[in-house]
N, C-alpha and C. Protein backbone atom coordinates (compact mmCIF):
# COMPACT_ATOMS: atom_id res chain seq x y z
N MET A 1 25.59 60.52 -3.96
CA MET A 1 26.67 59.87 -4.57
C MET A 1 28.03 60.23 -4.97
N SER A 2 29.11 60.00 -4.35
CA SER A 2 30.42 60.60 -3.97
C SER A 2 31.07 59.91 -5.30
N THR A 3 31.56 60.42 -6.13
CA THR A 3 32.92 59.84 -6.83
C THR A 3 33.89 60.37 -6.16
N LEU A 4 34.96 59.56 -6.57
CA LEU A 4 36.31 59.89 -6.03
C LEU A 4 37.60 59.20 -7.26
N THR A 5 38.35 59.84 -7.34
CA THR A 5 39.31 59.69 -8.60
C THR A 5 40.65 58.71 -7.89
N ALA A 6 41.32 58.26 -8.68
CA ALA A 6 42.21 57.35 -8.22
C ALA A 6 42.96 58.11 -6.95
N LYS A 7 43.57 59.46 -7.46
CA LYS A 7 44.56 60.43 -6.47
C LYS A 7 43.82 60.62 -5.10
N GLU A 8 42.56 61.00 -5.39
CA GLU A 8 41.43 60.88 -4.11
C GLU A 8 41.58 60.00 -3.01
N VAL A 9 41.38 58.97 -3.82
CA VAL A 9 41.31 57.54 -2.85
C VAL A 9 42.64 57.31 -2.42
N ALA A 10 43.72 57.51 -3.06
CA ALA A 10 45.01 57.12 -2.26
C ALA A 10 45.05 57.98 -1.43
N ARG A 11 44.66 59.43 -1.25
CA ARG A 11 44.95 60.34 -0.26
C ARG A 11 43.71 59.80 0.98
N TYR A 12 42.70 59.23 0.69
CA TYR A 12 41.66 59.05 1.64
C TYR A 12 42.30 57.97 2.42
N LEU A 13 43.18 56.72 1.74
CA LEU A 13 43.42 55.57 2.53
C LEU A 13 44.92 55.91 2.91
N GLY A 14 45.72 56.74 2.64
CA GLY A 14 47.06 56.91 3.14
C GLY A 14 47.90 56.30 2.60
N VAL A 15 47.72 56.04 1.09
CA VAL A 15 48.81 55.02 0.27
C VAL A 15 48.99 55.63 -1.07
N CYS A 16 49.89 55.45 -1.49
CA CYS A 16 50.34 56.10 -3.08
C CYS A 16 49.77 55.55 -3.98
N GLU A 17 49.60 56.70 -4.91
CA GLU A 17 48.40 56.57 -6.09
C GLU A 17 48.72 54.96 -6.94
N ASP A 18 50.03 54.86 -6.96
CA ASP A 18 50.65 53.50 -7.91
C ASP A 18 49.89 52.33 -6.98
N THR A 19 49.75 52.31 -5.96
CA THR A 19 49.27 51.52 -4.82
C THR A 19 47.58 51.35 -5.36
N ILE A 20 46.83 52.10 -5.56
CA ILE A 20 45.41 52.06 -6.02
C ILE A 20 45.31 51.57 -7.34
N TYR A 21 46.37 51.98 -8.25
CA TYR A 21 46.23 51.49 -9.50
C TYR A 21 46.55 50.02 -9.60
N THR A 22 47.66 49.58 -9.02
CA THR A 22 48.08 48.12 -9.05
C THR A 22 46.68 47.44 -7.95
N MET A 23 45.72 47.76 -7.01
CA MET A 23 44.88 47.46 -6.67
C MET A 23 43.77 47.12 -7.72
N VAL A 24 43.46 48.23 -8.75
CA VAL A 24 42.47 48.12 -9.78
C VAL A 24 43.16 47.17 -10.24
N ARG A 25 44.00 47.03 -10.93
CA ARG A 25 44.69 45.76 -11.68
C ARG A 25 44.09 44.40 -11.33
N LYS A 26 44.52 44.48 -10.04
CA LYS A 26 44.35 42.88 -9.19
C LYS A 26 42.89 42.78 -8.65
N LYS A 27 41.94 43.59 -9.37
CA LYS A 27 40.34 43.50 -8.80
C LYS A 27 40.30 43.71 -7.46
N GLU A 28 41.47 44.32 -6.62
CA GLU A 28 41.24 43.95 -5.35
C GLU A 28 40.03 45.22 -4.20
N ILE A 29 39.88 46.21 -5.23
CA ILE A 29 39.24 47.35 -4.87
C ILE A 29 38.02 47.76 -5.55
N PRO A 30 36.67 48.12 -5.09
CA PRO A 30 35.62 48.25 -6.03
C PRO A 30 35.86 49.75 -6.86
N HIS A 31 35.53 49.54 -8.07
CA HIS A 31 35.73 50.73 -8.98
C HIS A 31 35.15 50.57 -10.30
N PHE A 32 35.01 51.67 -11.12
CA PHE A 32 34.52 51.38 -12.10
C PHE A 32 35.04 52.08 -13.22
N ARG A 33 34.62 51.80 -14.37
CA ARG A 33 35.48 52.80 -15.64
C ARG A 33 34.30 53.38 -16.63
N ILE A 34 34.96 54.76 -16.95
CA ILE A 34 34.12 55.18 -17.83
C ILE A 34 35.38 55.49 -18.92
N ARG A 35 35.16 54.70 -20.02
CA ARG A 35 36.06 54.65 -21.37
C ARG A 35 37.52 54.14 -20.42
N ARG A 36 38.46 55.06 -20.44
CA ARG A 36 39.75 54.74 -19.75
C ARG A 36 39.64 55.30 -18.38
N ARG A 37 38.66 56.07 -17.94
CA ARG A 37 39.19 56.56 -16.82
C ARG A 37 38.57 56.10 -15.58
N ILE A 38 39.07 55.77 -14.25
CA ILE A 38 38.69 54.85 -13.05
C ILE A 38 38.21 55.76 -12.25
N PHE A 39 37.00 55.56 -11.76
CA PHE A 39 36.44 56.39 -10.51
C PHE A 39 35.93 55.02 -9.40
N PHE A 40 35.84 55.77 -8.19
CA PHE A 40 35.40 55.01 -6.93
C PHE A 40 34.15 55.75 -6.32
N LEU A 41 33.39 54.85 -6.07
CA LEU A 41 32.20 55.57 -4.95
C LEU A 41 32.67 55.61 -3.71
N LYS A 42 32.74 56.65 -3.25
CA LYS A 42 33.12 56.38 -1.74
C LYS A 42 32.02 55.85 -0.73
N GLU A 43 30.91 55.59 -1.20
CA GLU A 43 30.14 54.59 -0.53
C GLU A 43 31.00 53.27 -0.25
N LYS A 44 30.86 52.85 -1.42
CA LYS A 44 32.02 51.33 -1.69
C LYS A 44 32.96 51.45 -1.31
N ILE A 45 34.04 52.26 -1.02
CA ILE A 45 35.22 52.31 -0.31
C ILE A 45 35.09 52.19 0.93
N ASP A 46 33.95 53.09 1.86
CA ASP A 46 33.74 52.97 3.09
C ASP A 46 33.26 51.56 3.29
N GLU A 47 32.61 50.98 2.89
CA GLU A 47 32.02 49.65 2.83
C GLU A 47 33.28 48.90 2.63
N TRP A 48 34.01 48.63 1.87
CA TRP A 48 35.23 47.85 1.33
C TRP A 48 36.14 48.17 2.72
N ILE A 49 36.37 49.03 3.41
CA ILE A 49 37.45 49.30 4.37
C ILE A 49 36.72 48.53 5.35
N ARG A 50 35.44 48.70 6.00
CA ARG A 50 35.01 47.95 6.99
C ARG A 50 34.74 46.22 6.78
N GLU A 51 34.79 46.16 5.54
CA GLU A 51 35.10 44.50 5.27
C GLU A 51 36.54 44.16 5.64
N GLN A 52 37.69 44.93 5.00
CA GLN A 52 38.68 44.66 5.47
C GLN A 52 39.27 44.68 6.98
N ALA A 53 38.55 45.54 7.58
CA ALA A 53 38.94 45.60 9.21
C ALA A 53 38.42 44.41 9.92
N THR A 54 36.85 43.86 9.24
CA THR A 54 36.56 42.57 10.09
C THR A 54 37.12 41.36 9.40
N ASN A 55 37.30 41.53 8.04
CA ASN A 55 38.37 40.61 7.82
C ASN A 55 39.73 40.15 8.70
N GLN A 56 40.47 41.27 9.24
CA GLN A 56 41.56 41.02 9.63
C GLN A 56 41.32 40.90 11.08
N ALA A 57 40.32 41.01 11.72
CA ALA A 57 39.85 41.06 13.11
C ALA A 57 39.46 39.46 12.98
N ILE A 58 39.04 39.10 12.13
CA ILE A 58 38.87 37.50 12.33
C ILE A 58 39.94 36.52 12.06
N SER A 59 40.90 36.93 11.14
CA SER A 59 42.30 36.17 11.07
C SER A 59 43.05 36.29 12.60
């Protein structure tokens, strides 16, 4: 199980790090916290990407 930081997720998705933090605040992206640090499971991010693609294809 691979974990990513906000910076790594931003790079992976091709967006700025501030966008990731905004999405975390709005609970729009799967994440978890350990104390004040925010982490992402790569498998969950990949699953979330597939869901986003499916939802857009349906719309």
